[in-house]
Amino acid sequence: MTRNLLTDTLKSAVITGSPPVRPRAVATLEWDGLRCEPLLCSVEEELPDPLDAAAAYDGLQLSSFDEVMAGYEACLEQLHQRRRNYQGSDRP
């Protein structure tokens, strides 16, 4: 039921939800070619090697519920910002 609730909500906002690409991600959210993935664990995003990024905090640490929800919020805000920029542009 929760999955359907999220899927229906994302579809109504014209956001595609699909399985994640990264192993520490919850899902891939996409709108108009922009993709983002909320994460389940804290990683150092600045490090290019995934193993180094995962080890940056003494190994993977599962995020709290609030941190995961903040990750969803940040992803959705990125998509929303893109939509605002798109609507304000001269694109057809």
N, C-alpha and C. Protein backbone atom coordinates (compact mmCIF):
# COMPACT_ATOMS: atom_id res chain seq x y z
N MET A 1 0.82 -1.19 0.00
CA MET A 1 0.00 0.00 0.00
C MET A 1 0.87 1.26 0.00
N THR A 2 1.93 1.29 0.82
CA THR A 2 2.80 2.47 0.87
C THR A 2 3.42 2.73 -0.50
N ARG A 3 3.88 1.66 -1.14
CA ARG A 3 4.49 1.81 -2.47
C ARG A 3 3.52 2.46 -3.44
N ASN A 4 2.26 1.99 -3.43
CA ASN A 4 1.25 2.57 -4.32
C ASN A 4 0.97 4.02 -3.98
N LEU A 5 0.96 4.33 -2.70
CA LEU A 5 0.72 5.71 -2.28
C LEU A 5 1.81 6.63 -2.83
N LEU A 6 3.06 6.23 -2.69
CA LEU A 6 4.16 7.04 -3.21
C LEU A 6 4.13 7.08 -4.73
N THR A 7 3.90 5.94 -5.37
CA THR A 7 3.87 5.89 -6.83
C THR A 7 2.77 6.79 -7.38
N ASP A 8 1.57 6.70 -6.80
CA ASP A 8 0.46 7.53 -7.27
C ASP A 8 0.74 9.02 -7.06
N THR A 9 1.33 9.35 -5.92
CA THR A 9 1.66 10.75 -5.63
C THR A 9 2.69 11.28 -6.62
N LEU A 10 3.73 10.49 -6.89
CA LEU A 10 4.77 10.91 -7.84
C LEU A 10 4.20 11.04 -9.25
N LYS A 11 3.37 10.08 -9.64
CA LYS A 11 2.76 10.14 -10.98
C LYS A 11 1.91 11.39 -11.14
N SER A 12 1.16 11.75 -10.09
CA SER A 12 0.32 12.94 -10.18
C SER A 12 1.16 14.21 -10.34
N ALA A 13 2.41 14.16 -9.87
CA ALA A 13 3.33 15.29 -10.03
C ALA A 13 4.20 15.14 -11.27
N VAL A 14 3.90 14.15 -12.11
CA VAL A 14 4.63 13.85 -13.33
C VAL A 14 6.10 13.56 -13.03
N ILE A 15 6.34 12.86 -11.95
CA ILE A 15 7.68 12.41 -11.57
C ILE A 15 7.70 10.90 -11.69
N THR A 16 8.70 10.38 -12.39
CA THR A 16 8.83 8.94 -12.55
C THR A 16 9.64 8.37 -11.39
N GLY A 17 9.14 7.30 -10.82
CA GLY A 17 9.86 6.57 -9.80
C GLY A 17 10.27 5.22 -10.36
N SER A 18 11.52 4.85 -10.20
CA SER A 18 12.00 3.57 -10.69
C SER A 18 13.04 3.01 -9.72
N PRO A 19 13.43 1.75 -9.92
CA PRO A 19 14.44 1.17 -9.02
C PRO A 19 15.73 1.99 -9.05
N PRO A 20 16.44 2.02 -7.93
CA PRO A 20 17.67 2.81 -7.85
C PRO A 20 18.80 2.22 -8.68
N VAL A 21 19.72 3.09 -9.08
CA VAL A 21 20.93 2.67 -9.78
C VAL A 21 22.02 2.36 -8.76
N ARG A 22 22.15 3.23 -7.77
CA ARG A 22 23.18 3.06 -6.74
C ARG A 22 22.68 2.10 -5.67
N PRO A 23 23.58 1.29 -5.13
CA PRO A 23 23.15 0.29 -4.14
C PRO A 23 22.65 0.88 -2.82
N ARG A 24 23.02 2.12 -2.49
CA ARG A 24 22.58 2.72 -1.23
C ARG A 24 21.38 3.64 -1.41
N ALA A 25 20.78 3.63 -2.58
CA ALA A 25 19.66 4.51 -2.86
C ALA A 25 18.32 3.81 -2.63
N VAL A 26 17.30 4.61 -2.39
CA VAL A 26 15.95 4.11 -2.16
C VAL A 26 15.25 3.90 -3.50
N ALA A 27 15.38 4.86 -4.38
CA ALA A 27 14.71 4.85 -5.68
C ALA A 27 15.38 5.88 -6.57
N THR A 28 15.03 5.85 -7.84
CA THR A 28 15.44 6.91 -8.76
C THR A 28 14.19 7.73 -9.07
N LEU A 29 14.26 9.02 -8.82
CA LEU A 29 13.17 9.93 -9.14
C LEU A 29 13.61 10.76 -10.34
N GLU A 30 12.70 10.94 -11.31
CA GLU A 30 13.09 11.64 -12.54
C GLU A 30 11.97 12.53 -13.04
N TRP A 31 12.36 13.70 -13.53
CA TRP A 31 11.46 14.61 -14.23
C TRP A 31 12.26 15.30 -15.31
N ASP A 32 11.81 15.21 -16.53
CA ASP A 32 12.40 15.90 -17.67
C ASP A 32 13.91 15.66 -17.78
N GLY A 33 14.34 14.43 -17.57
CA GLY A 33 15.75 14.09 -17.74
C GLY A 33 16.62 14.30 -16.50
N LEU A 34 16.12 14.99 -15.49
CA LEU A 34 16.87 15.18 -14.25
C LEU A 34 16.55 14.00 -13.32
N ARG A 35 17.61 13.36 -12.84
CA ARG A 35 17.44 12.21 -11.95
C ARG A 35 18.10 12.49 -10.61
N CYS A 36 17.50 11.97 -9.55
CA CYS A 36 18.12 12.01 -8.23
C CYS A 36 17.69 10.77 -7.46
N GLU A 37 18.52 10.40 -6.49
CA GLU A 37 18.27 9.20 -5.72
C GLU A 37 18.45 9.47 -4.22
N PRO A 38 17.37 9.45 -3.46
CA PRO A 38 17.52 9.56 -2.01
C PRO A 38 18.26 8.33 -1.49
N LEU A 39 19.15 8.55 -0.53
CA LEU A 39 20.00 7.47 -0.02
C LEU A 39 19.53 6.95 1.33
N LEU A 40 19.83 5.66 1.59
CA LEU A 40 19.54 5.04 2.88
C LEU A 40 20.69 5.19 3.86
N CYS A 41 21.88 5.48 3.34
CA CYS A 41 23.08 5.57 4.17
C CYS A 41 23.80 6.88 3.90
N SER A 42 24.58 7.30 4.87
CA SER A 42 25.42 8.48 4.70
C SER A 42 26.67 8.08 3.91
N VAL A 43 26.97 8.83 2.88
CA VAL A 43 28.19 8.62 2.10
C VAL A 43 28.81 9.97 1.79
N GLU A 44 30.10 9.96 1.56
CA GLU A 44 30.81 11.19 1.20
C GLU A 44 30.71 11.33 -0.31
N GLU A 45 29.78 12.15 -0.78
CA GLU A 45 29.49 12.30 -2.21
C GLU A 45 30.66 12.88 -3.00
N GLU A 46 31.57 13.58 -2.34
CA GLU A 46 32.68 14.22 -3.04
C GLU A 46 33.76 13.23 -3.48
N LEU A 47 33.76 12.03 -2.91
CA LEU A 47 34.78 11.04 -3.27
C LEU A 47 34.31 10.23 -4.47
N PRO A 48 35.13 10.16 -5.53
CA PRO A 48 34.69 9.49 -6.76
C PRO A 48 34.57 7.97 -6.64
N ASP A 49 35.36 7.36 -5.78
CA ASP A 49 35.32 5.91 -5.65
C ASP A 49 34.24 5.51 -4.66
N PRO A 50 33.27 4.66 -5.06
CA PRO A 50 32.18 4.30 -4.16
C PRO A 50 32.64 3.63 -2.87
N LEU A 51 33.70 2.85 -2.91
CA LEU A 51 34.20 2.21 -1.69
C LEU A 51 34.79 3.23 -0.74
N ASP A 52 35.54 4.19 -1.27
CA ASP A 52 36.08 5.26 -0.43
C ASP A 52 34.94 6.10 0.16
N ALA A 53 33.93 6.39 -0.66
CA ALA A 53 32.80 7.18 -0.20
C ALA A 53 32.07 6.47 0.93
N ALA A 54 31.90 5.16 0.82
CA ALA A 54 31.20 4.40 1.85
C ALA A 54 32.01 4.29 3.13
N ALA A 55 33.33 4.29 3.01
CA ALA A 55 34.20 4.13 4.19
C ALA A 55 34.50 5.45 4.88
N ALA A 56 34.05 6.56 4.31
CA ALA A 56 34.41 7.88 4.84
C ALA A 56 33.96 8.09 6.28
N TYR A 57 32.90 7.47 6.68
CA TYR A 57 32.37 7.64 8.04
C TYR A 57 32.54 6.34 8.84
N ASP A 58 33.70 5.70 8.73
CA ASP A 58 33.95 4.42 9.40
C ASP A 58 32.98 3.35 8.94
N GLY A 59 32.68 3.34 7.66
CA GLY A 59 31.77 2.34 7.09
C GLY A 59 30.37 2.90 6.94
N LEU A 60 29.54 2.16 6.24
CA LEU A 60 28.17 2.60 6.00
C LEU A 60 27.39 2.69 7.30
N GLN A 61 26.68 3.78 7.46
CA GLN A 61 25.81 3.99 8.61
C GLN A 61 24.40 4.22 8.08
N LEU A 62 23.49 3.36 8.47
CA LEU A 62 22.11 3.50 8.04
C LEU A 62 21.56 4.84 8.54
N SER A 63 20.95 5.58 7.66
CA SER A 63 20.38 6.88 8.03
C SER A 63 19.11 6.68 8.85
N SER A 64 18.80 7.67 9.65
CA SER A 64 17.55 7.63 10.41
C SER A 64 16.39 7.90 9.45
N PHE A 65 15.18 7.64 9.92
CA PHE A 65 14.00 7.91 9.12
C PHE A 65 13.96 9.38 8.69
N ASP A 66 14.25 10.29 9.63
CA ASP A 66 14.24 11.72 9.32
C ASP A 66 15.27 12.07 8.25
N GLU A 67 16.44 11.44 8.31
CA GLU A 67 17.48 11.70 7.30
C GLU A 67 17.07 11.19 5.92
N VAL A 68 16.45 10.01 5.89
CA VAL A 68 15.98 9.46 4.61
C VAL A 68 14.89 10.36 4.03
N MET A 69 13.96 10.81 4.88
CA MET A 69 12.90 11.70 4.40
C MET A 69 13.47 13.04 3.94
N ALA A 70 14.50 13.52 4.62
CA ALA A 70 15.17 14.76 4.17
C ALA A 70 15.82 14.55 2.82
N GLY A 71 16.33 13.35 2.57
CA GLY A 71 16.90 13.03 1.26
C GLY A 71 15.84 13.05 0.17
N TYR A 72 14.67 12.47 0.47
CA TYR A 72 13.54 12.54 -0.48
C TYR A 72 13.18 13.99 -0.74
N GLU A 73 13.08 14.77 0.32
CA GLU A 73 12.70 16.17 0.19
C GLU A 73 13.70 16.93 -0.68
N ALA A 74 14.99 16.67 -0.47
CA ALA A 74 16.02 17.35 -1.26
C ALA A 74 15.91 16.96 -2.74
N CYS A 75 15.67 15.69 -3.01
CA CYS A 75 15.51 15.25 -4.40
C CYS A 75 14.29 15.90 -5.04
N LEU A 76 13.19 15.89 -4.32
CA LEU A 76 11.97 16.49 -4.87
C LEU A 76 12.13 17.99 -5.07
N GLU A 77 12.87 18.65 -4.19
CA GLU A 77 13.12 20.09 -4.35
C GLU A 77 13.95 20.35 -5.61
N GLN A 78 14.94 19.48 -5.88
CA GLN A 78 15.73 19.62 -7.12
C GLN A 78 14.83 19.52 -8.34
N LEU A 79 13.94 18.52 -8.33
CA LEU A 79 13.03 18.34 -9.46
C LEU A 79 12.07 19.52 -9.57
N HIS A 80 11.57 20.00 -8.44
CA HIS A 80 10.66 21.13 -8.43
C HIS A 80 11.35 22.40 -8.94
N GLN A 81 12.59 22.61 -8.53
CA GLN A 81 13.35 23.77 -9.01
C GLN A 81 13.54 23.69 -10.52
N ARG A 82 13.84 22.51 -11.01
CA ARG A 82 14.00 22.32 -12.46
C ARG A 82 12.70 22.66 -13.17
N ARG A 83 11.58 22.22 -12.58
CA ARG A 83 10.27 22.50 -13.19
C ARG A 83 10.01 24.01 -13.21
N ARG A 84 10.32 24.70 -12.10
CA ARG A 84 10.12 26.16 -12.07
C ARG A 84 10.98 26.84 -13.14
N ASN A 85 12.24 26.39 -13.27
CA ASN A 85 13.11 26.97 -14.30
C ASN A 85 12.59 26.67 -15.69
N TYR A 86 12.07 25.47 -15.89
CA TYR A 86 11.53 25.06 -17.18
C TYR A 86 10.32 25.92 -17.54
N GLN A 87 9.42 26.11 -16.58
CA GLN A 87 8.22 26.89 -16.83
C GLN A 87 8.54 28.36 -17.08
N GLY A 88 9.65 28.84 -16.55
CA GLY A 88 10.04 30.23 -16.77
C GLY A 88 10.88 30.43 -18.00
N SER A 89 11.21 29.35 -18.72
CA SER A 89 12.06 29.46 -19.90
C SER A 89 11.20 29.60 -21.15
N ASP A 90 11.89 29.73 -22.28
CA ASP A 90 11.23 29.83 -23.57
C ASP A 90 11.06 28.48 -24.24
N ARG A 91 11.31 27.40 -23.50
CA ARG A 91 11.19 26.05 -24.10
C ARG A 91 9.75 25.79 -24.47
N PRO A 92 9.53 25.07 -25.57
CA PRO A 92 8.15 24.76 -25.99
C PRO A 92 7.49 23.77 -25.06
